[in-house]
Amino acid sequence: MFRVSDLTVAIKKNQQVMLRGVNFEILPGETLILKGKNGSGKSTLLGAIMGDPRYEILEGEIEFLGQEIQNLSTEGRSLLGMFLSFQTPPEVNGVSTTEIVRTGLMERGEKVRLDEVRNGLMANQKLLGLPMFFMERECGVGMSGGEKKKNEILQMLALKPKFCMLDELDSGLDMESAGKISQILADYKKETGASFLITSHNLRILEKLKVDKVVELVGGGLKVMDERGAMNGGGTK
């Protein structure tokens, strides 16, 4: 499904190496939890996987569905079925969530009417506890931290990716919302067989999800841990 092999990543602006020789694999339907202290490189890893131009891959390979993707654009990776929920979701002035989702679906070759997209979003908004016309607001603009995170999940549910990377999804969410989203993610995983790579400090967001692997970024490399978060040996490959 998804594999990272001997990945070394630097910040392009100053060539500071953040990750060294990272190896891990996620099988279809698996959930991997990525732990690490602030500044350890968790967001860097997810950004590099998704093709964020701020990062440069110095060595190694990223493979998704049997295809090497490290030279693909972010759009190309998205079209293959990859999705990244940002730690700090951006604000997109003048563009609604509805328009973003419809564009994403049409880029995949799906001919969808605007009212079809709206109907799908409205059903998922109800699950997330969002107001009826939330999806017509400018994406991220004027939203609270919790609303931005729910909006990311709203987009994920509409785009139906095969591989979902969720960066600090719990930040900005209250305990009730975190528990509700945990159930939504579990249901999505059961329905689609999607795989997850999640960074989180809040166990509530993982309450309903079966966790298959836990790893921690330490000194730019990965350490394998058990499901309780205890260290369990060397790097994973």
C-alpha atoms as a PDB file:
ATOM      1  CA  MET A   1       0.000   0.000   0.000  1.00  0.00           C
ATOM      2  CA  PHE A   2       2.462   2.652   1.220  1.00  0.00           C
ATOM      3  CA  ARG A   3       6.186   2.435   1.910  1.00  0.00           C
ATOM      4  CA  VAL A   4       8.961   4.879   2.803  1.00  0.00           C
ATOM      5  CA  SER A   5      12.519   3.612   2.290  1.00  0.00           C
ATOM      6  CA  ASP A   6      15.706   5.262   3.620  1.00  0.00           C
ATOM      7  CA  LEU A   7      14.133   8.719   3.376  1.00  0.00           C
ATOM      8  CA  THR A   8      16.367  11.706   4.119  1.00  0.00           C
ATOM      9  CA  VAL A   9      14.683  15.125   3.991  1.00  0.00           C
ATOM     10  CA  ALA A  10      15.987  18.686   4.338  1.00  0.00           C
ATOM     11  CA  ILE A  11      14.312  22.073   4.560  1.00  0.00           C
ATOM     12  CA  LYS A  12      14.941  23.496   1.087  1.00  0.00           C
ATOM     13  CA  LYS A  13      15.479  27.083   2.257  1.00  0.00           C
ATOM     14  CA  ASN A  14      18.467  26.403   4.495  1.00  0.00           C
ATOM     15  CA  GLN A  15      19.305  22.749   3.695  1.00  0.00           C
ATOM     16  CA  GLN A  16      18.849  21.747   7.339  1.00  0.00           C
ATOM     17  CA  VAL A  17      18.424  17.973   7.427  1.00  0.00           C
ATOM     18  CA  MET A  18      15.333  17.083   9.484  1.00  0.00           C
ATOM     19  CA  LEU A  19      14.912  13.365   8.721  1.00  0.00           C
ATOM     20  CA  ARG A  20      17.593  10.720   8.194  1.00  0.00           C
ATOM     21  CA  GLY A  21      17.095   7.227   6.792  1.00  0.00           C
ATOM     22  CA  VAL A  22      13.409   6.911   7.714  1.00  0.00           C
ATOM     23  CA  ASN A  23      11.783   3.548   6.935  1.00  0.00           C
ATOM     24  CA  PHE A  24       8.215   2.371   7.498  1.00  0.00           C
ATOM     25  CA  GLU A  25       5.364   0.597   5.757  1.00  0.00           C
ATOM     26  CA  ILE A  26       1.582   0.857   6.055  1.00  0.00           C
ATOM     27  CA  LEU A  27      -0.537  -1.974   4.685  1.00  0.00           C
ATOM     28  CA  PRO A  28      -4.085  -1.587   3.302  1.00  0.00           C
ATOM     29  CA  GLY A  29      -6.501  -0.736   6.105  1.00  0.00           C
ATOM     30  CA  GLU A  30      -3.768  -0.141   8.702  1.00  0.00           C
ATOM     31  CA  THR A  31      -3.442   2.827  11.050  1.00  0.00           C
ATOM     32  CA  LEU A  32       0.020   4.030  12.019  1.00  0.00           C
ATOM     33  CA  ILE A  33       0.470   6.595  14.794  1.00  0.00           C
ATOM     34  CA  LEU A  34       3.467   8.901  14.498  1.00  0.00           C
ATOM     35  CA  LYS A  35       4.665  10.354  17.789  1.00  0.00           C
ATOM     36  CA  GLY A  36       7.427  12.825  18.556  1.00  0.00           C
ATOM     37  CA  LYS A  37       8.236  15.985  20.454  1.00  0.00           C
ATOM     38  CA  ASN A  38       7.481  19.409  18.986  1.00  0.00           C
ATOM     39  CA  GLY A  39      10.072  20.134  16.308  1.00  0.00           C
ATOM     40  CA  SER A  40      10.986  16.463  15.843  1.00  0.00           C
ATOM     41  CA  GLY A  41       9.962  16.503  12.172  1.00  0.00           C
ATOM     42  CA  LYS A  42       6.468  14.987  12.164  1.00  0.00           C
ATOM     43  CA  SER A  43       4.955  17.693   9.944  1.00  0.00           C
ATOM     44  CA  THR A  44       8.097  17.693   7.799  1.00  0.00           C
ATOM     45  CA  LEU A  45       7.651  13.974   7.139  1.00  0.00           C
ATOM     46  CA  LEU A  46       3.993  14.323   6.194  1.00  0.00           C
ATOM     47  CA  GLY A  47       4.730  17.369   4.041  1.00  0.00           C
ATOM     48  CA  ALA A  48       7.571  15.601   2.217  1.00  0.00           C
ATOM     49  CA  ILE A  49       5.338  12.587   1.588  1.00  0.00           C
ATOM     50  CA  MET A  50       2.713  14.872   0.031  1.00  0.00           C
ATOM     51  CA  GLY A  51       5.230  16.807  -2.093  1.00  0.00           C
ATOM     52  CA  ASP A  52       5.377  20.081  -0.157  1.00  0.00           C
ATOM     53  CA  PRO A  53       7.889  22.244  -2.106  1.00  0.00           C
ATOM     54  CA  ARG A  54       9.387  23.583   1.143  1.00  0.00           C
ATOM     55  CA  TYR A  55      11.115  20.240   1.623  1.00  0.00           C
ATOM     56  CA  GLU A  56      13.741  18.460  -0.460  1.00  0.00           C
ATOM     57  CA  ILE A  57      14.197  14.701  -0.565  1.00  0.00           C
ATOM     58  CA  LEU A  58      17.948  14.106  -0.527  1.00  0.00           C
ATOM     59  CA  GLU A  59      17.803  10.317  -0.532  1.00  0.00           C
ATOM     60  CA  GLY A  60      15.279   7.504  -0.438  1.00  0.00           C
ATOM     61  CA  GLU A  61      12.003   6.486  -2.019  1.00  0.00           C
ATOM     62  CA  ILE A  62       8.289   6.896  -1.371  1.00  0.00           C
ATOM     63  CA  GLU A  63       6.046   4.211  -2.829  1.00  0.00           C
ATOM     64  CA  PHE A  64       2.247   4.229  -3.029  1.00  0.00           C
ATOM     65  CA  LEU A  65       0.197   1.447  -4.622  1.00  0.00           C
ATOM     66  CA  GLY A  66       3.349  -0.010  -6.164  1.00  0.00           C
ATOM     67  CA  GLN A  67       4.425   3.276  -7.764  1.00  0.00           C
ATOM     68  CA  GLU A  68       7.352   5.494  -6.787  1.00  0.00           C
ATOM     69  CA  ILE A  69       5.888   8.939  -6.200  1.00  0.00           C
ATOM     70  CA  GLN A  70       8.724  11.115  -4.878  1.00  0.00           C
ATOM     71  CA  ASN A  71       8.980  12.895  -8.248  1.00  0.00           C
ATOM     72  CA  LEU A  72       5.227  13.440  -8.624  1.00  0.00           C
ATOM     73  CA  SER A  73       3.610  16.808  -7.956  1.00  0.00           C
ATOM     74  CA  THR A  74       1.343  17.276  -4.952  1.00  0.00           C
ATOM     75  CA  GLU A  75      -1.608  17.235  -7.352  1.00  0.00           C
ATOM     76  CA  GLY A  76      -0.402  13.979  -8.891  1.00  0.00           C
ATOM     77  CA  ARG A  77      -0.185  12.347  -5.473  1.00  0.00           C
ATOM     78  CA  SER A  78      -3.657  13.593  -4.596  1.00  0.00           C
ATOM     79  CA  LEU A  79      -5.066  12.139  -7.800  1.00  0.00           C
ATOM     80  CA  LEU A  80      -3.652   8.743  -6.828  1.00  0.00           C
ATOM     81  CA  GLY A  81      -5.745   8.862  -3.645  1.00  0.00           C
ATOM     82  CA  MET A  82      -3.549  10.548  -1.031  1.00  0.00           C
ATOM     83  CA  PHE A  83      -4.830  13.190   1.384  1.00  0.00           C
ATOM     84  CA  LEU A  84      -3.154  15.449   3.943  1.00  0.00           C
ATOM     85  CA  SER A  85      -5.010  17.269   6.709  1.00  0.00           C
ATOM     86  CA  PHE A  86      -2.803  20.169   7.810  1.00  0.00           C
ATOM     87  CA  GLN A  87      -1.738  20.902  11.362  1.00  0.00           C
ATOM     88  CA  THR A  88      -2.614  24.534  10.616  1.00  0.00           C
ATOM     89  CA  PRO A  89      -5.170  24.509   7.778  1.00  0.00           C
ATOM     90  CA  PRO A  90      -4.724  27.424   5.350  1.00  0.00           C
ATOM     91  CA  GLU A  91      -7.306  30.109   4.649  1.00  0.00           C
ATOM     92  CA  VAL A  92      -8.442  30.326   1.035  1.00  0.00           C
ATOM     93  CA  ASN A  93     -10.004  33.708   0.373  1.00  0.00           C
ATOM     94  CA  GLY A  94     -12.840  33.853  -2.140  1.00  0.00           C
ATOM     95  CA  VAL A  95     -13.164  30.071  -2.542  1.00  0.00           C
ATOM     96  CA  SER A  96     -15.712  27.910  -0.731  1.00  0.00           C
ATOM     97  CA  THR A  97     -15.224  24.376   0.511  1.00  0.00           C
ATOM     98  CA  THR A  98     -17.888  23.297  -1.987  1.00  0.00           C
ATOM     99  CA  GLU A  99     -15.842  24.701  -4.870  1.00  0.00           C
ATOM    100  CA  ILE A 100     -12.624  23.081  -3.624  1.00  0.00           C
ATOM    101  CA  VAL A 101     -14.265  19.671  -3.315  1.00  0.00           C
ATOM    102  CA  ARG A 102     -15.974  19.898  -6.710  1.00  0.00           C
ATOM    103  CA  THR A 103     -12.688  20.894  -8.370  1.00  0.00           C
ATOM    104  CA  GLY A 104     -10.935  17.945  -6.717  1.00  0.00           C
ATOM    105  CA  LEU A 105     -13.586  15.510  -7.915  1.00  0.00           C
ATOM    106  CA  MET A 106     -13.576  16.916 -11.458  1.00  0.00           C
ATOM    107  CA  GLU A 107      -9.769  16.721 -11.637  1.00  0.00           C
ATOM    108  CA  ARG A 108     -10.217  12.982 -11.087  1.00  0.00           C
ATOM    109  CA  GLY A 109     -12.550  12.855 -14.057  1.00  0.00           C
ATOM    110  CA  GLU A 110     -15.811  12.739 -12.097  1.00  0.00           C
ATOM    111  CA  LYS A 111     -18.585  14.781 -13.723  1.00  0.00           C
ATOM    112  CA  VAL A 112     -20.474  16.104 -10.709  1.00  0.00           C
ATOM    113  CA  ARG A 113     -23.011  18.884 -10.520  1.00  0.00           C
ATOM    114  CA  LEU A 114     -22.685  21.580  -7.876  1.00  0.00           C
ATOM    115  CA  ASP A 115     -25.939  20.502  -6.199  1.00  0.00           C
ATOM    116  CA  GLU A 116     -24.656  16.903  -5.937  1.00  0.00           C
ATOM    117  CA  VAL A 117     -21.522  18.114  -4.165  1.00  0.00           C
ATOM    118  CA  ARG A 118     -23.596  20.302  -1.827  1.00  0.00           C
ATOM    119  CA  ASN A 119     -25.926  17.443  -0.913  1.00  0.00           C
ATOM    120  CA  GLY A 120     -23.020  15.179  -0.045  1.00  0.00           C
ATOM    121  CA  LEU A 121     -21.315  17.857   2.023  1.00  0.00           C
ATOM    122  CA  MET A 122     -24.520  18.707   3.886  1.00  0.00           C
ATOM    123  CA  ALA A 123     -24.976  15.079   4.966  1.00  0.00           C
ATOM    124  CA  ASN A 124     -21.419  14.920   6.308  1.00  0.00           C
ATOM    125  CA  GLN A 125     -21.714  18.345   7.933  1.00  0.00           C
ATOM    126  CA  LYS A 126     -24.530  16.944  10.033  1.00  0.00           C
ATOM    127  CA  LEU A 127     -22.270  14.095  11.199  1.00  0.00           C
ATOM    128  CA  LEU A 128     -19.603  16.639  12.151  1.00  0.00           C
ATOM    129  CA  GLY A 129     -22.034  18.952  13.951  1.00  0.00           C
ATOM    130  CA  LEU A 130     -21.503  21.831  11.506  1.00  0.00           C
ATOM    131  CA  PRO A 131     -24.232  24.331  10.493  1.00  0.00           C
ATOM    132  CA  MET A 132     -26.195  23.772   7.294  1.00  0.00           C
ATOM    133  CA  PHE A 133     -24.438  26.190   4.932  1.00  0.00           C
ATOM    134  CA  PHE A 134     -20.976  25.901   6.451  1.00  0.00           C
ATOM    135  CA  MET A 135     -19.535  24.535   3.180  1.00  0.00           C
ATOM    136  CA  GLU A 136     -20.434  27.769   1.367  1.00  0.00           C
ATOM    137  CA  ARG A 137     -18.149  29.857   3.566  1.00  0.00           C
ATOM    138  CA  GLU A 138     -14.698  30.822   2.307  1.00  0.00           C
ATOM    139  CA  CYS A 139     -12.517  27.827   3.125  1.00  0.00           C
ATOM    140  CA  GLY A 140     -10.854  28.371   6.492  1.00  0.00           C
ATOM    141  CA  VAL A 141     -11.582  32.107   6.601  1.00  0.00           C
ATOM    142  CA  GLY A 142     -12.915  33.279   9.970  1.00  0.00           C
ATOM    143  CA  MET A 143     -13.195  29.705  11.235  1.00  0.00           C
ATOM    144  CA  SER A 144     -12.219  28.630  14.726  1.00  0.00           C
ATOM    145  CA  GLY A 145      -9.464  26.056  15.171  1.00  0.00           C
ATOM    146  CA  GLY A 146     -12.011  23.312  15.709  1.00  0.00           C
ATOM    147  CA  GLU A 147     -14.060  24.347  12.658  1.00  0.00           C
ATOM    148  CA  LYS A 148     -10.937  24.263  10.481  1.00  0.00           C
ATOM    149  CA  LYS A 149     -10.151  20.711  11.581  1.00  0.00           C
ATOM    150  CA  LYS A 150     -13.735  19.589  10.994  1.00  0.00           C
ATOM    151  CA  ASN A 151     -13.587  21.221   7.559  1.00  0.00           C
ATOM    152  CA  GLU A 152     -10.525  19.136   6.718  1.00  0.00           C
ATOM    153  CA  ILE A 153     -12.434  15.956   7.620  1.00  0.00           C
ATOM    154  CA  LEU A 154     -15.424  17.203   5.627  1.00  0.00           C
ATOM    155  CA  GLN A 155     -13.190  17.412   2.554  1.00  0.00           C
ATOM    156  CA  MET A 156     -11.673  13.992   3.252  1.00  0.00           C
ATOM    157  CA  LEU A 157     -15.102  12.353   3.433  1.00  0.00           C
ATOM    158  CA  ALA A 158     -16.092  13.928   0.111  1.00  0.00           C
ATOM    159  CA  LEU A 159     -12.868  13.081  -1.758  1.00  0.00           C
ATOM    160  CA  LYS A 160     -12.656   9.513  -0.356  1.00  0.00           C
ATOM    161  CA  PRO A 161      -8.857   9.074  -0.407  1.00  0.00           C
ATOM    162  CA  LYS A 162      -7.219   5.659   0.010  1.00  0.00           C
ATOM    163  CA  PHE A 163      -4.391   6.993   2.199  1.00  0.00           C
ATOM    164  CA  CYS A 164      -5.170   9.679   4.793  1.00  0.00           C
ATOM    165  CA  MET A 165      -2.493  11.645   6.642  1.00  0.00           C
ATOM    166  CA  LEU A 166      -3.896  13.618   9.578  1.00  0.00           C
ATOM    167  CA  ASP A 167      -1.474  16.053  11.222  1.00  0.00           C
ATOM    168  CA  GLU A 168      -2.445  16.946  14.809  1.00  0.00           C
ATOM    169  CA  LEU A 169      -6.117  16.579  13.935  1.00  0.00           C
ATOM    170  CA  ASP A 170      -7.087  16.880  17.611  1.00  0.00           C
ATOM    171  CA  SER A 171      -5.674  20.394  18.124  1.00  0.00           C
ATOM    172  CA  GLY A 172      -8.521  22.865  18.469  1.00  0.00           C
ATOM    173  CA  LEU A 173     -11.136  20.157  19.111  1.00  0.00           C
ATOM    174  CA  ASP A 174     -12.979  19.732  22.393  1.00  0.00           C
ATOM    175  CA  MET A 175     -13.231  16.244  23.882  1.00  0.00           C
ATOM    176  CA  GLU A 176     -16.758  15.651  22.586  1.00  0.00           C
ATOM    177  CA  SER A 177     -15.811  16.620  19.014  1.00  0.00           C
ATOM    178  CA  ALA A 178     -12.647  14.504  19.181  1.00  0.00           C
ATOM    179  CA  GLY A 179     -14.701  11.473  20.215  1.00  0.00           C
ATOM    180  CA  LYS A 180     -17.228  12.082  17.444  1.00  0.00           C
ATOM    181  CA  ILE A 181     -14.523  12.396  14.787  1.00  0.00           C
ATOM    182  CA  SER A 182     -12.845   9.230  16.073  1.00  0.00           C
ATOM    183  CA  GLN A 183     -16.060   7.328  15.312  1.00  0.00           C
ATOM    184  CA  ILE A 184     -16.335   9.009  11.889  1.00  0.00           C
ATOM    185  CA  LEU A 185     -12.776   7.940  11.034  1.00  0.00           C
ATOM    186  CA  ALA A 186     -13.443   4.376  12.207  1.00  0.00           C
ATOM    187  CA  ASP A 187     -16.596   4.205  10.079  1.00  0.00           C
ATOM    188  CA  TYR A 188     -14.745   5.638   7.068  1.00  0.00           C
ATOM    189  CA  LYS A 189     -11.961   3.083   7.469  1.00  0.00           C
ATOM    190  CA  LYS A 190     -14.488   0.235   7.664  1.00  0.00           C
ATOM    191  CA  GLU A 191     -16.392   1.509   4.631  1.00  0.00           C
ATOM    192  CA  THR A 192     -13.415   2.216   2.347  1.00  0.00           C
ATOM    193  CA  GLY A 193     -10.511   0.114   3.654  1.00  0.00           C
ATOM    194  CA  ALA A 194      -8.399   3.270   3.754  1.00  0.00           C
ATOM    195  CA  SER A 195      -5.066   3.470   5.574  1.00  0.00           C
ATOM    196  CA  PHE A 196      -4.162   6.206   8.060  1.00  0.00           C
ATOM    197  CA  LEU A 197      -0.975   7.958   9.156  1.00  0.00           C
ATOM    198  CA  ILE A 198      -1.849  10.104  12.172  1.00  0.00           C
ATOM    199  CA  THR A 199       0.085  12.435  14.444  1.00  0.00           C
ATOM    200  CA  SER A 200      -1.750  13.150  17.707  1.00  0.00           C
ATOM    201  CA  HIS A 201      -1.278  14.040  21.359  1.00  0.00           C
ATOM    202  CA  ASN A 202      -4.908  13.303  22.237  1.00  0.00           C
ATOM    203  CA  LEU A 203      -5.852   9.657  22.738  1.00  0.00           C
ATOM    204  CA  ARG A 204      -9.549  10.547  22.402  1.00  0.00           C
ATOM    205  CA  ILE A 205      -9.136  10.985  18.649  1.00  0.00           C
ATOM    206  CA  LEU A 206      -7.888   7.369  18.517  1.00  0.00           C
ATOM    207  CA  GLU A 207     -10.610   5.990  20.792  1.00  0.00           C
ATOM    208  CA  LYS A 208     -12.586   4.169  18.071  1.00  0.00           C
ATOM    209  CA  LEU A 209      -9.706   3.463  15.669  1.00  0.00           C
ATOM    210  CA  LYS A 210      -7.759   0.212  15.763  1.00  0.00           C
ATOM    211  CA  VAL A 211      -4.094   1.220  15.965  1.00  0.00           C
ATOM    212  CA  ASP A 212      -1.785  -1.227  14.184  1.00  0.00           C
ATOM    213  CA  LYS A 213       1.603   0.443  14.597  1.00  0.00           C
ATOM    214  CA  VAL A 214       3.131   3.194  16.728  1.00  0.00           C
ATOM    215  CA  VAL A 215       6.455   4.847  15.855  1.00  0.00           C
ATOM    216  CA  GLU A 216       8.295   7.847  17.280  1.00  0.00           C
ATOM    217  CA  LEU A 217      10.596  10.338  15.584  1.00  0.00           C
ATOM    218  CA  VAL A 218      13.757  10.706  17.633  1.00  0.00           C
ATOM    219  CA  GLY A 219      16.833  12.512  16.334  1.00  0.00           C
ATOM    220  CA  GLY A 220      15.510  12.500  12.777  1.00  0.00           C
ATOM    221  CA  GLY A 221      14.930   8.720  12.702  1.00  0.00           C
ATOM    222  CA  LEU A 222      12.087   6.372  13.663  1.00  0.00           C
ATOM    223  CA  LYS A 223      11.829   4.147  16.708  1.00  0.00           C
ATOM    224  CA  VAL A 224       9.254   1.352  16.830  1.00  0.00           C
ATOM    225  CA  MET A 225       6.893   1.412  19.802  1.00  0.00           C
ATOM    226  CA  ASP A 226       4.083  -0.799  21.021  1.00  0.00           C
ATOM    227  CA  GLU A 227       0.439   0.324  21.163  1.00  0.00           C
ATOM    228  CA  ARG A 228       0.934   1.713  24.662  1.00  0.00           C
ATOM    229  CA  GLY A 229       3.667   3.998  23.367  1.00  0.00           C
ATOM    230  CA  ALA A 230       6.573   2.103  24.932  1.00  0.00           C
ATOM    231  CA  MET A 231       9.881   1.905  23.048  1.00  0.00           C
ATOM    232  CA  ASN A 232      10.325  -1.438  21.343  1.00  0.00           C
ATOM    233  CA  GLY A 233      13.641  -1.448  19.510  1.00  0.00           C
ATOM    234  CA  GLY A 234      15.210   0.007  16.376  1.00  0.00           C
ATOM    235  CA  GLY A 235      13.946   1.475  13.116  1.00  0.00           C
ATOM    236  CA  THR A 236      11.046  -0.011  11.198  1.00  0.00           C
ATOM    237  CA  LYS A 237      11.264  -1.138   7.615  1.00  0.00           C
END
